[in-house]
PDB file of N, CA and C in Angstrom:
ATOM      1  N   MET A   1       0.300  -2.729  13.476  1.00  0.00           N
ATOM      2  CA  MET A   1       0.488  -1.366  13.027  1.00  0.00           C
ATOM      3  C   MET A   1      -0.414  -1.083  11.831  1.00  0.00           C
ATOM      4  N   ARG A   2      -0.479  -2.028  10.888  1.00  0.00           N
ATOM      5  CA  ARG A   2      -1.323  -1.822   9.715  1.00  0.00           C
ATOM      6  C   ARG A   2      -2.792  -1.762  10.104  1.00  0.00           C
ATOM      7  N   LYS A   3      -3.166  -2.617  11.070  1.00  0.00           N
ATOM      8  CA  LYS A   3      -4.556  -2.620  11.517  1.00  0.00           C
ATOM      9  C   LYS A   3      -4.912  -1.287  12.152  1.00  0.00           C
ATOM     10  N   LEU A   4      -3.981  -0.769  12.959  1.00  0.00           N
ATOM     11  CA  LEU A   4      -4.224   0.507  13.616  1.00  0.00           C
ATOM     12  C   LEU A   4      -4.403   1.609  12.579  1.00  0.00           C
ATOM     13  N   LEU A   5      -3.529   1.635  11.572  1.00  0.00           N
ATOM     14  CA  LEU A   5      -3.654   2.652  10.523  1.00  0.00           C
ATOM     15  C   LEU A   5      -4.954   2.490   9.742  1.00  0.00           C
ATOM     16  N   PHE A   6      -5.353   1.255   9.494  1.00  0.00           N
ATOM     17  CA  PHE A   6      -6.598   1.008   8.783  1.00  0.00           C
ATOM     18  C   PHE A   6      -7.782   1.512   9.591  1.00  0.00           C
ATOM     19  N   ILE A   7      -7.797   1.220  10.894  1.00  0.00           N
ATOM     20  CA  ILE A   7      -8.900   1.645  11.754  1.00  0.00           C
ATOM     21  C   ILE A   7      -8.961   3.167  11.832  1.00  0.00           C
ATOM     22  N   VAL A   8      -7.795   3.791  11.998  1.00  0.00           N
ATOM     23  CA  VAL A   8      -7.765   5.259  12.044  1.00  0.00           C
ATOM     24  C   VAL A   8      -8.273   5.841  10.723  1.00  0.00           C
ATOM     25  N   GLY A   9      -7.823   5.283   9.607  1.00  0.00           N
ATOM     26  CA  GLY A   9      -8.280   5.761   8.298  1.00  0.00           C
ATOM     27  C   GLY A   9      -9.766   5.565   8.102  1.00  0.00           C
ATOM     28  N   ALA A  10     -10.275   4.431   8.550  1.00  0.00           N
ATOM     29  CA  ALA A  10     -11.710   4.171   8.426  1.00  0.00           C
ATOM     30  C   ALA A  10     -12.512   5.163   9.267  1.00  0.00           C
ATOM     31  N   CYS A  11     -12.030   5.447  10.463  1.00  0.00           N
ATOM     32  CA  CYS A  11     -12.716   6.420  11.324  1.00  0.00           C
ATOM     33  C   CYS A  11     -12.712   7.812  10.707  1.00  0.00           C
ATOM     34  N   VAL A  12     -11.566   8.210  10.214  1.00  0.00           N
ATOM     35  CA  VAL A  12     -11.474   9.537   9.585  1.00  0.00           C
ATOM     36  C   VAL A  12     -12.397   9.607   8.373  1.00  0.00           C
ATOM     37  N   GLY A  13     -12.401   8.559   7.568  1.00  0.00           N
ATOM     38  CA  GLY A  13     -13.285   8.529   6.400  1.00  0.00           C
ATOM     39  C   GLY A  13     -14.737   8.587   6.786  1.00  0.00           C
ATOM     40  N   TYR A  14     -15.091   7.871   7.838  1.00  0.00           N
ATOM     41  CA  TYR A  14     -16.485   7.893   8.276  1.00  0.00           C
ATOM     42  C   TYR A  14     -16.873   9.281   8.766  1.00  0.00           C
ATOM     43  N   ILE A  15     -15.981   9.873   9.569  1.00  0.00           N
ATOM     44  CA  ILE A  15     -16.284  11.201  10.109  1.00  0.00           C
ATOM     45  C   ILE A  15     -16.452  12.214   8.988  1.00  0.00           C
ATOM     46  N   LEU A  16     -15.534  12.187   8.019  1.00  0.00           N
ATOM     47  CA  LEU A  16     -15.604  13.151   6.927  1.00  0.00           C
ATOM     48  C   LEU A  16     -16.797  12.904   6.007  1.00  0.00           C
ATOM     49  N   GLY A  17     -17.169  11.650   5.848  1.00  0.00           N
ATOM     50  CA  GLY A  17     -18.238  11.329   4.912  1.00  0.00           C
ATOM     51  C   GLY A  17     -19.611  11.164   5.538  1.00  0.00           C
ATOM     52  N   ALA A  18     -19.683  11.153   6.834  1.00  0.00           N
ATOM     53  CA  ALA A  18     -20.967  10.901   7.505  1.00  0.00           C
ATOM     54  C   ALA A  18     -21.910  12.088   7.361  1.00  0.00           C
ATOM     55  N   LYS A  19     -23.177  11.756   7.195  1.00  0.00           N
ATOM     56  CA  LYS A  19     -24.198  12.802   7.121  1.00  0.00           C
ATOM     57  C   LYS A  19     -25.088  12.752   8.359  1.00  0.00           C
ATOM     58  N   ALA A  20     -24.553  12.166   9.425  1.00  0.00           N
ATOM     59  CA  ALA A  20     -25.339  11.979  10.639  1.00  0.00           C
ATOM     60  C   ALA A  20     -25.432  13.252  11.470  1.00  0.00           C
ATOM     61  N   GLY A  21     -24.673  14.255  11.110  1.00  0.00           N
ATOM     62  CA  GLY A  21     -24.781  15.536  11.813  1.00  0.00           C
ATOM     63  C   GLY A  21     -23.784  15.697  12.934  1.00  0.00           C
ATOM     64  N   ARG A  22     -23.893  16.840  13.552  1.00  0.00           N
ATOM     65  CA  ARG A  22     -22.945  17.246  14.593  1.00  0.00           C
ATOM     66  C   ARG A  22     -23.002  16.339  15.820  1.00  0.00           C
ATOM     67  N   GLU A  23     -24.178  15.865  16.167  1.00  0.00           N
ATOM     68  CA  GLU A  23     -24.325  15.018  17.348  1.00  0.00           C
ATOM     69  C   GLU A  23     -23.516  13.728  17.207  1.00  0.00           C
ATOM     70  N   ARG A  24     -23.627  13.098  16.051  1.00  0.00           N
ATOM     71  CA  ARG A  24     -22.882  11.854  15.812  1.00  0.00           C
ATOM     72  C   ARG A  24     -21.382  12.133  15.785  1.00  0.00           C
ATOM     73  N   TYR A  25     -21.008  13.253  15.212  1.00  0.00           N
ATOM     74  CA  TYR A  25     -19.607  13.648  15.174  1.00  0.00           C
ATOM     75  C   TYR A  25     -19.059  13.775  16.594  1.00  0.00           C
ATOM     76  N   GLU A  26     -19.830  14.416  17.485  1.00  0.00           N
ATOM     77  CA  GLU A  26     -19.397  14.584  18.875  1.00  0.00           C
ATOM     78  C   GLU A  26     -19.240  13.230  19.571  1.00  0.00           C
ATOM     79  N   GLN A  27     -20.173  12.291  19.302  1.00  0.00           N
ATOM     80  CA  GLN A  27     -20.069  10.956  19.890  1.00  0.00           C
ATOM     81  C   GLN A  27     -18.779  10.261  19.438  1.00  0.00           C
ATOM     82  N   ILE A  28     -18.541  10.336  18.156  1.00  0.00           N
ATOM     83  CA  ILE A  28     -17.341   9.695  17.607  1.00  0.00           C
ATOM     84  C   ILE A  28     -16.083  10.364  18.161  1.00  0.00           C
ATOM     85  N   SER A  29     -16.084  11.674  18.236  1.00  0.00           N
ATOM     86  CA  SER A  29     -14.934  12.417  18.739  1.00  0.00           C
ATOM     87  C   SER A  29     -14.647  12.058  20.193  1.00  0.00           C
ATOM     88  N   GLN A  30     -15.696  11.957  21.010  1.00  0.00           N
ATOM     89  CA  GLN A  30     -15.505  11.589  22.413  1.00  0.00           C
ATOM     90  C   GLN A  30     -14.950  10.170  22.541  1.00  0.00           C
ATOM     91  N   GLN A  31     -15.484   9.256  21.734  1.00  0.00           N
ATOM     92  CA  GLN A  31     -15.011   7.869  21.769  1.00  0.00           C
ATOM     93  C   GLN A  31     -13.544   7.793  21.342  1.00  0.00           C
ATOM     94  N   ALA A  32     -13.187   8.549  20.298  1.00  0.00           N
ATOM     95  CA  ALA A  32     -11.801   8.566  19.833  1.00  0.00           C
ATOM     96  C   ALA A  32     -10.881   9.120  20.914  1.00  0.00           C
ATOM     97  N   SER A  33     -11.314  10.136  21.613  1.00  0.00           N
ATOM     98  CA  SER A  33     -10.508  10.711  22.694  1.00  0.00           C
ATOM     99  C   SER A  33     -10.307   9.700  23.814  1.00  0.00           C
ATOM    100  N   LYS A  34     -11.356   8.943  24.130  1.00  0.00           N
ATOM    101  CA  LYS A  34     -11.237   7.902  25.161  1.00  0.00           C
ATOM    102  C   LYS A  34     -10.211   6.848  24.741  1.00  0.00           C
ATOM    103  N   VAL A  35     -10.319   6.410  23.497  1.00  0.00           N
ATOM    104  CA  VAL A  35      -9.391   5.389  23.006  1.00  0.00           C
ATOM    105  C   VAL A  35      -7.973   5.920  23.012  1.00  0.00           C
ATOM    106  N   TRP A  36      -7.775   7.137  22.505  1.00  0.00           N
ATOM    107  CA  TRP A  36      -6.440   7.714  22.435  1.00  0.00           C
ATOM    108  C   TRP A  36      -5.854   7.933  23.821  1.00  0.00           C
ATOM    109  N   GLY A  37      -6.703   8.256  24.784  1.00  0.00           N
ATOM    110  CA  GLY A  37      -6.236   8.487  26.148  1.00  0.00           C
ATOM    111  C   GLY A  37      -6.004   7.210  26.933  1.00  0.00           C
ATOM    112  N   ASN A  38      -6.371   6.073  26.400  1.00  0.00           N
ATOM    113  CA  ASN A  38      -6.199   4.794  27.066  1.00  0.00           C
ATOM    114  C   ASN A  38      -4.700   4.546  27.287  1.00  0.00           C
ATOM    115  N   PRO A  39      -4.318   4.195  28.524  1.00  0.00           N
ATOM    116  CA  PRO A  39      -2.887   3.969  28.809  1.00  0.00           C
ATOM    117  C   PRO A  39      -2.261   2.880  27.932  1.00  0.00           C
ATOM    118  N   LYS A  40      -3.019   1.843  27.614  1.00  0.00           N
ATOM    119  CA  LYS A  40      -2.496   0.764  26.775  1.00  0.00           C
ATOM    120  C   LYS A  40      -2.177   1.298  25.365  1.00  0.00           C
ATOM    121  N   VAL A  41      -3.062   2.146  24.840  1.00  0.00           N
ATOM    122  CA  VAL A  41      -2.822   2.733  23.517  1.00  0.00           C
ATOM    123  C   VAL A  41      -1.592   3.637  23.567  1.00  0.00           C
ATOM    124  N   GLN A  42      -1.472   4.433  24.595  1.00  0.00           N
ATOM    125  CA  GLN A  42      -0.321   5.336  24.709  1.00  0.00           C
ATOM    126  C   GLN A  42       0.982   4.553  24.886  1.00  0.00           C
ATOM    127  N   GLU A  43       0.911   3.422  25.596  1.00  0.00           N
ATOM    128  CA  GLU A  43       2.093   2.579  25.745  1.00  0.00           C
ATOM    129  C   GLU A  43       2.531   2.030  24.378  1.00  0.00           C
ATOM    130  N   THR A  44       1.550   1.606  23.584  1.00  0.00           N
ATOM    131  CA  THR A  44       1.853   1.101  22.244  1.00  0.00           C
ATOM    132  C   THR A  44       2.429   2.197  21.367  1.00  0.00           C
ATOM    133  N   VAL A  45       1.883   3.401  21.470  1.00  0.00           N
ATOM    134  CA  VAL A  45       2.388   4.532  20.686  1.00  0.00           C
ATOM    135  C   VAL A  45       3.848   4.812  21.047  1.00  0.00           C
ATOM    136  N   GLU A  46       4.167   4.791  22.316  1.00  0.00           N
ATOM    137  CA  GLU A  46       5.545   5.031  22.758  1.00  0.00           C
ATOM    138  C   GLU A  46       6.485   3.925  22.274  1.00  0.00           C
ATOM    139  N   ASP A  47       5.991   2.675  22.301  1.00  0.00           N
ATOM    140  CA  ASP A  47       6.808   1.562  21.792  1.00  0.00           C
ATOM    141  C   ASP A  47       7.112   1.753  20.310  1.00  0.00           C
ATOM    142  N   VAL A  48       6.106   2.145  19.551  1.00  0.00           N
ATOM    143  CA  VAL A  48       6.289   2.361  18.109  1.00  0.00           C
ATOM    144  C   VAL A  48       7.262   3.514  17.867  1.00  0.00           C
ATOM    145  N   LYS A  49       7.131   4.581  18.637  1.00  0.00           N
ATOM    146  CA  LYS A  49       8.051   5.722  18.494  1.00  0.00           C
ATOM    147  C   LYS A  49       9.498   5.292  18.781  1.00  0.00           C
ATOM    148  N   ALA A  50       9.671   4.427  19.773  1.00  0.00           N
ATOM    149  CA  ALA A  50      11.018   3.981  20.134  1.00  0.00           C
ATOM    150  C   ALA A  50      11.608   3.062  19.063  1.00  0.00           C
ATOM    151  N   GLN A  51      10.768   2.253  18.425  1.00  0.00           N
ATOM    152  CA  GLN A  51      11.245   1.287  17.437  1.00  0.00           C
ATOM    153  C   GLN A  51      11.357   1.879  16.032  1.00  0.00           C
ATOM    154  N   ALA A  52      10.697   2.974  15.770  1.00  0.00           N
ATOM    155  CA  ALA A  52      10.663   3.545  14.419  1.00  0.00           C
ATOM    156  C   ALA A  52      12.057   3.864  13.861  1.00  0.00           C
ATOM    157  N   PRO A  53      12.943   4.522  14.602  1.00  0.00           N
ATOM    158  CA  PRO A  53      14.272   4.809  14.035  1.00  0.00           C
ATOM    159  C   PRO A  53      15.052   3.544  13.675  1.00  0.00           C
ATOM    160  N   LYS A  54      14.946   2.516  14.517  1.00  0.00           N
ATOM    161  CA  LYS A  54      15.649   1.263  14.234  1.00  0.00           C
ATOM    162  C   LYS A  54      15.100   0.627  12.965  1.00  0.00           C
ATOM    163  N   ALA A  55      13.767   0.601  12.853  1.00  0.00           N
ATOM    164  CA  ALA A  55      13.138   0.002  11.682  1.00  0.00           C
ATOM    165  C   ALA A  55      13.488   0.789  10.424  1.00  0.00           C
ATOM    166  N   ALA A  56      13.465   2.109  10.523  1.00  0.00           N
ATOM    167  CA  ALA A  56      13.787   2.946   9.363  1.00  0.00           C
ATOM    168  C   ALA A  56      15.231   2.723   8.922  1.00  0.00           C
ATOM    169  N   SER A  57      16.135   2.610   9.872  1.00  0.00           N
ATOM    170  CA  SER A  57      17.539   2.370   9.548  1.00  0.00           C
ATOM    171  C   SER A  57      17.728   1.014   8.878  1.00  0.00           C
ATOM    172  N   ALA A  58      17.041  -0.001   9.402  1.00  0.00           N
ATOM    173  CA  ALA A  58      17.154  -1.341   8.824  1.00  0.00           C
ATOM    174  C   ALA A  58      16.600  -1.367   7.408  1.00  0.00           C
ATOM    175  N   VAL A  59      15.471  -0.715   7.204  1.00  0.00           N
ATOM    176  CA  VAL A  59      14.860  -0.686   5.874  1.00  0.00           C
ATOM    177  C   VAL A  59      15.750   0.082   4.902  1.00  0.00           C
ATOM    178  N   ALA A  60      16.312   1.200   5.355  1.00  0.00           N
ATOM    179  CA  ALA A  60      17.185   1.991   4.481  1.00  0.00           C
ATOM    180  C   ALA A  60      18.429   1.199   4.103  1.00  0.00           C
ATOM    181  N   GLY A  61      19.005   0.501   5.058  1.00  0.00           N
ATOM    182  CA  GLY A  61      20.193  -0.312   4.776  1.00  0.00           C
ATOM    183  C   GLY A  61      19.889  -1.421   3.780  1.00  0.00           C
ATOM    184  N   SER A  62      18.761  -2.095   3.973  1.00  0.00           N
ATOM    185  CA  SER A  62      18.368  -3.165   3.057  1.00  0.00           C
ATOM    186  C   SER A  62      18.100  -2.608   1.666  1.00  0.00           C
ATOM    187  N   ALA A  63      17.423  -1.473   1.610  1.00  0.00           N
ATOM    188  CA  ALA A  63      17.108  -0.877   0.314  1.00  0.00           C
ATOM    189  C   ALA A  63      18.383  -0.485  -0.436  1.00  0.00           C
ATOM    190  N   LYS A  64      19.359   0.077   0.271  1.00  0.00           N
ATOM    191  CA  LYS A  64      20.625   0.451  -0.369  1.00  0.00           C
ATOM    192  C   LYS A  64      21.359  -0.782  -0.891  1.00  0.00           C
ATOM    193  N   GLU A  65      21.342  -1.843  -0.087  1.00  0.00           N
ATOM    194  CA  GLU A  65      22.020  -3.073  -0.497  1.00  0.00           C
ATOM    195  C   GLU A  65      21.355  -3.680  -1.735  1.00  0.00           C
ATOM    196  N   ILE A  66      20.052  -3.734  -1.733  1.00  0.00           N
ATOM    197  CA  ILE A  66      19.318  -4.299  -2.869  1.00  0.00           C
ATOM    198  C   ILE A  66      19.509  -3.439  -4.113  1.00  0.00           C
ATOM    199  N   ALA A  67      19.485  -2.120  -3.938  1.00  0.00           N
ATOM    200  CA  ALA A  67      19.693  -1.224  -5.077  1.00  0.00           C
ATOM    201  C   ALA A  67      21.105  -1.403  -5.646  1.00  0.00           C
ATOM    202  N   GLY A  68      22.081  -1.559  -4.766  1.00  0.00           N
ATOM    203  CA  GLY A  68      23.453  -1.777  -5.230  1.00  0.00           C
ATOM    204  C   GLY A  68      23.597  -3.082  -5.998  1.00  0.00           C
ATOM    205  N   GLN A  69      22.944  -4.130  -5.510  1.00  0.00           N
ATOM    206  CA  GLN A  69      22.990  -5.411  -6.213  1.00  0.00           C
ATOM    207  C   GLN A  69      22.306  -5.315  -7.572  1.00  0.00           C
ATOM    208  N   ALA A  70      21.175  -4.626  -7.613  1.00  0.00           N
ATOM    209  CA  ALA A  70      20.458  -4.475  -8.880  1.00  0.00           C
ATOM    210  C   ALA A  70      21.299  -3.681  -9.874  1.00  0.00           C
ATOM    211  N   LYS A  71      21.928  -2.610  -9.406  1.00  0.00           N
ATOM    212  CA  LYS A  71      22.769  -1.793 -10.282  1.00  0.00           C
ATOM    213  C   LYS A  71      23.942  -2.619 -10.811  1.00  0.00           C
ATOM    214  N   ALA A  72      24.536  -3.416  -9.948  1.00  0.00           N
ATOM    215  CA  ALA A  72      25.664  -4.242 -10.363  1.00  0.00           C
ATOM    216  C   ALA A  72      25.247  -5.244 -11.432  1.00  0.00           C
ATOM    217  N   LYS A  73      24.093  -5.850 -11.266  1.00  0.00           N
ATOM    218  CA  LYS A  73      23.628  -6.825 -12.255  1.00  0.00           C
ATOM    219  C   LYS A  73      23.292  -6.152 -13.582  1.00  0.00           C
ATOM    220  N   VAL A  74      22.661  -4.987 -13.521  1.00  0.00           N
ATOM    221  CA  VAL A  74      22.288  -4.287 -14.753  1.00  0.00           C
ATOM    222  C   VAL A  74      23.513  -3.827 -15.520  1.00  0.00           C
ATOM    223  N   THR A  75      24.516  -3.340 -14.807  1.00  0.00           N
ATOM    224  CA  THR A  75      25.718  -2.833 -15.471  1.00  0.00           C
ATOM    225  C   THR A  75      26.731  -3.929 -15.748  1.00  0.00           C
ATOM    226  N   GLY A  76      26.483  -5.144 -15.242  1.00  0.00           N
ATOM    227  CA  GLY A  76      27.411  -6.247 -15.473  1.00  0.00           C
ATOM    228  C   GLY A  76      28.621  -6.213 -14.567  1.00  0.00           C
ATOM    229  N   HIS A  77      28.535  -5.509 -13.465  1.00  0.00           N
ATOM    230  CA  HIS A  77      29.653  -5.401 -12.536  1.00  0.00           C
ATOM    231  C   HIS A  77      29.255  -5.978 -11.183  1.00  0.00           C
ATOM    232  N   GLU A  78      28.980  -7.267 -11.167  1.00  0.00           N
ATOM    233  CA  GLU A  78      28.609  -7.882  -9.910  1.00  0.00           C
ATOM    234  C   GLU A  78      29.777  -7.868  -8.942  1.00  0.00           C
ATOM    235  N   THR A  79      29.466  -7.923  -7.670  1.00  0.00           N
ATOM    236  CA  THR A  79      30.509  -7.868  -6.657  1.00  0.00           C
ATOM    237  C   THR A  79      31.194  -9.216  -6.508  1.00  0.00           C
ATOM    238  N   THR A  80      32.400  -9.175  -5.985  1.00  0.00           N
ATOM    239  CA  THR A  80      33.172 -10.399  -5.772  1.00  0.00           C
ATOM    240  C   THR A  80      32.994 -10.861  -4.334  1.00  0.00           C
ATOM    241  N   ASP A  81      33.421 -12.092  -4.076  1.00  0.00           N
ATOM    242  CA  ASP A  81      33.396 -12.559  -2.694  1.00  0.00           C
ATOM    243  C   ASP A  81      34.658 -12.061  -1.991  1.00  0.00           C
ATOM    244  N   LEU A  82      34.862 -12.460  -0.746  1.00  0.00           N
ATOM    245  CA  LEU A  82      35.987 -11.943   0.031  1.00  0.00           C
ATOM    246  C   LEU A  82      37.344 -12.334  -0.542  1.00  0.00           C
ATOM    247  N   LYS A  83      37.436 -13.486  -1.210  1.00  0.00           N
ATOM    248  CA  LYS A  83      38.705 -13.913  -1.795  1.00  0.00           C
ATOM    249  C   LYS A  83      38.983 -13.207  -3.112  1.00  0.00           C
ATOM    250  N   GLY A  84      37.984 -12.614  -3.725  1.00  0.00           N
ATOM    251  CA  GLY A  84      38.162 -11.945  -5.008  1.00  0.00           C
ATOM    252  C   GLY A  84      37.697 -12.786  -6.173  1.00  0.00           C
ATOM    253  N   ASP A  85      37.187 -13.990  -5.910  1.00  0.00           N
ATOM    254  CA  ASP A  85      36.650 -14.811  -6.990  1.00  0.00           C
ATOM    255  C   ASP A  85      35.377 -14.168  -7.525  1.00  0.00           C
ATOM    256  N   TYR A  86      35.158 -14.358  -8.801  1.00  0.00           N
ATOM    257  CA  TYR A  86      34.042 -13.710  -9.473  1.00  0.00           C
ATOM    258  C   TYR A  86      33.429 -14.683 -10.460  1.00  0.00           C
ATOM    259  N   GLU A  87      32.102 -14.687 -10.539  1.00  0.00           N
ATOM    260  CA  GLU A  87      31.462 -15.544 -11.522  1.00  0.00           C
ATOM    261  C   GLU A  87      30.103 -14.955 -11.884  1.00  0.00           C
ATOM    262  N   ASN A  88      29.821 -14.955 -13.173  1.00  0.00           N
ATOM    263  CA  ASN A  88      28.488 -14.602 -13.657  1.00  0.00           C
ATOM    264  C   ASN A  88      28.207 -15.416 -14.907  1.00  0.00           C
ATOM    265  N   GLU A  89      27.172 -15.043 -15.644  1.00  0.00           N
ATOM    266  CA  GLU A  89      26.757 -15.834 -16.793  1.00  0.00           C
ATOM    267  C   GLU A  89      27.777 -15.862 -17.920  1.00  0.00           C
ATOM    268  N   THR A  90      28.636 -14.854 -18.008  1.00  0.00           N
ATOM    269  CA  THR A  90      29.571 -14.774 -19.135  1.00  0.00           C
ATOM    270  C   THR A  90      30.967 -15.287 -18.821  1.00  0.00           C
ATOM    271  N   GLY A  91      31.258 -15.558 -17.559  1.00  0.00           N
ATOM    272  CA  GLY A  91      32.585 -16.057 -17.231  1.00  0.00           C
ATOM    273  C   GLY A  91      32.870 -15.982 -15.756  1.00  0.00           C
ATOM    274  N   SER A  92      34.145 -16.219 -15.426  1.00  0.00           N
ATOM    275  CA  SER A  92      34.534 -16.189 -14.018  1.00  0.00           C
ATOM    276  C   SER A  92      35.986 -15.755 -13.905  1.00  0.00           C
ATOM    277  N   TRP A  93      36.401 -15.477 -12.663  1.00  0.00           N
ATOM    278  CA  TRP A  93      37.772 -15.088 -12.364  1.00  0.00           C
ATOM    279  C   TRP A  93      38.191 -15.827 -11.102  1.00  0.00           C
ATOM    280  N   ASP A  94      39.274 -16.569 -11.216  1.00  0.00           N
ATOM    281  CA  ASP A  94      39.808 -17.291 -10.064  1.00  0.00           C
ATOM    282  C   ASP A  94      40.989 -16.481  -9.551  1.00  0.00           C
ATOM    283  N   SER A  95      40.819 -15.842  -8.393  1.00  0.00           N
ATOM    284  CA  SER A  95      41.862 -14.950  -7.881  1.00  0.00           C
ATOM    285  C   SER A  95      43.094 -15.700  -7.394  1.00  0.00           C
ATOM    286  N   SER A  96      42.935 -16.950  -6.986  1.00  0.00           N
ATOM    287  CA  SER A  96      44.100 -17.682  -6.489  1.00  0.00           C
ATOM    288  C   SER A  96      45.075 -18.025  -7.608  1.00  0.00           C
ATOM    289  N   THR A  97      44.575 -18.291  -8.802  1.00  0.00           N
ATOM    290  CA  THR A  97      45.459 -18.603  -9.935  1.00  0.00           C
ATOM    291  C   THR A  97      45.596 -17.430 -10.894  1.00  0.00           C
ATOM    292  N   GLY A  98      44.711 -16.451 -10.763  1.00  0.00           N
ATOM    293  CA  GLY A  98      44.756 -15.292 -11.652  1.00  0.00           C
ATOM    294  C   GLY A  98      44.298 -15.606 -13.066  1.00  0.00           C
ATOM    295  N   THR A  99      43.451 -16.601 -13.191  1.00  0.00           N
ATOM    296  CA  THR A  99      43.011 -16.991 -14.534  1.00  0.00           C
ATOM    297  C   THR A  99      41.526 -16.706 -14.743  1.00  0.00           C
ATOM    298  N   PRO A 100      41.243 -16.100 -15.892  1.00  0.00           N
ATOM    299  CA  PRO A 100      39.837 -15.885 -16.224  1.00  0.00           C
ATOM    300  C   PRO A 100      39.307 -17.044 -17.067  1.00  0.00           C
ATOM    301  N   SER A 101      38.037 -17.214 -17.068  1.00  0.00           N
ATOM    302  CA  SER A 101      37.405 -18.121 -18.021  1.00  0.00           C
ATOM    303  C   SER A 101      36.203 -17.395 -18.597  1.00  0.00           C
ATOM    304  N   ILE A 102      36.095 -17.447 -19.923  1.00  0.00           N
ATOM    305  CA  ILE A 102      35.031 -16.722 -20.606  1.00  0.00           C
ATOM    306  C   ILE A 102      34.176 -17.698 -21.378  1.00  0.00           C
ATOM    307  N   ASP A 103      32.886 -17.556 -21.219  1.00  0.00           N
ATOM    308  CA  ASP A 103      31.939 -18.390 -21.961  1.00  0.00           C
ATOM    309  C   ASP A 103      31.652 -17.673 -23.274  1.00  0.00           C
ATOM    310  N   ASP A 104      32.336 -18.097 -24.353  1.00  0.00           N
ATOM    311  CA  ASP A 104      32.144 -17.446 -25.647  1.00  0.00           C
ATOM    312  C   ASP A 104      31.166 -18.207 -26.532  1.00  0.00           C
ATOM    313  N   SER A 105      30.447 -19.141 -25.968  1.00  0.00           N
ATOM    314  CA  SER A 105      29.510 -19.929 -26.779  1.00  0.00           C
ATOM    315  C   SER A 105      28.306 -19.115 -27.239  1.00  0.00           C
ATOM    316  N   SER A 106      28.048 -17.987 -26.592  1.00  0.00           N
ATOM    317  CA  SER A 106      26.883 -17.193 -26.990  1.00  0.00           C
ATOM    318  C   SER A 106      27.274 -15.946 -27.807  1.00  0.00           C
ATOM    319  N   PHE A 107      28.551 -15.850 -28.214  1.00  0.00           N
ATOM    320  CA  PHE A 107      28.989 -14.738 -29.038  1.00  0.00           C
ATOM    321  C   PHE A 107      28.809 -15.042 -30.515  1.00  0.00           C
ATOM    322  N   GLY A 108      28.563 -14.022 -31.298  1.00  0.00           N
ATOM    323  CA  GLY A 108      28.531 -14.178 -32.773  1.00  0.00           C
ATOM    324  C   GLY A 108      27.244 -14.803 -33.282  1.00  0.00           C
ATOM    325  N   PRO A 109      27.157 -14.915 -34.632  1.00  0.00           N
ATOM    326  CA  PRO A 109      25.950 -15.451 -35.229  1.00  0.00           C
ATOM    327  C   PRO A 109      25.858 -16.966 -35.025  1.00  0.00           C
ATOM    328  N   GLY A 110      24.668 -17.424 -35.057  1.00  0.00           N
ATOM    329  CA  GLY A 110      24.435 -18.854 -34.916  1.00  0.00           C
ATOM    330  C   GLY A 110      22.965 -19.124 -34.706  1.00  0.00           C
ATOM    331  N   GLY A 111      22.564 -20.345 -34.779  1.00  0.00           N
ATOM    332  CA  GLY A 111      21.189 -20.809 -34.689  1.00  0.00           C
ATOM    333  C   GLY A 111      20.179 -19.825 -34.082  1.00  0.00           C
ATOM    334  N   ASP A 112      20.147 -19.691 -32.805  1.00  0.00           N
ATOM    335  CA  ASP A 112      19.159 -18.836 -32.167  1.00  0.00           C
ATOM    336  C   ASP A 112      19.757 -17.517 -31.700  1.00  0.00           C
ATOM    337  N   LYS A 113      20.970 -17.182 -32.143  1.00  0.00           N
ATOM    338  CA  LYS A 113      21.635 -15.963 -31.698  1.00  0.00           C
ATOM    339  C   LYS A 113      21.598 -14.890 -32.787  1.00  0.00           C
ATOM    340  N   LEU A 114      21.612 -13.664 -32.352  1.00  0.00           N
ATOM    341  CA  LEU A 114      21.668 -12.550 -33.299  1.00  0.00           C
ATOM    342  C   LEU A 114      23.111 -12.323 -33.736  1.00  0.00           C
ATOM    343  N   PRO A 115      23.342 -11.855 -34.940  1.00  0.00           N
ATOM    344  CA  PRO A 115      24.728 -11.595 -35.397  1.00  0.00           C
ATOM    345  C   PRO A 115      25.334 -10.449 -34.632  1.00  0.00           C
TER     346      PRO A 115
END
């Protein structure tokens, strides 16, 4: 797909930037029409059209999931697993016992820490 877009872009750029005149433009235009009319090319175009909605949906779903994870990490509200257990750099929560554990070693003033 990327190669196809690159080739199309290169052709368009050449056509727009060429100083070879109308005759060369007509040659290129005829060749492009032949390529576009090729059954193999049209079959590929139809395949891409059929797969595009699926790919777009998959990409959108992944993007939403990644954005949600990033937001959770930035705000400090990471998601829990199915049991409800939770753990991050500052502590954890054990849902089976209902006990939290907090890492307070990085709180307050000290050697390499800010007050």
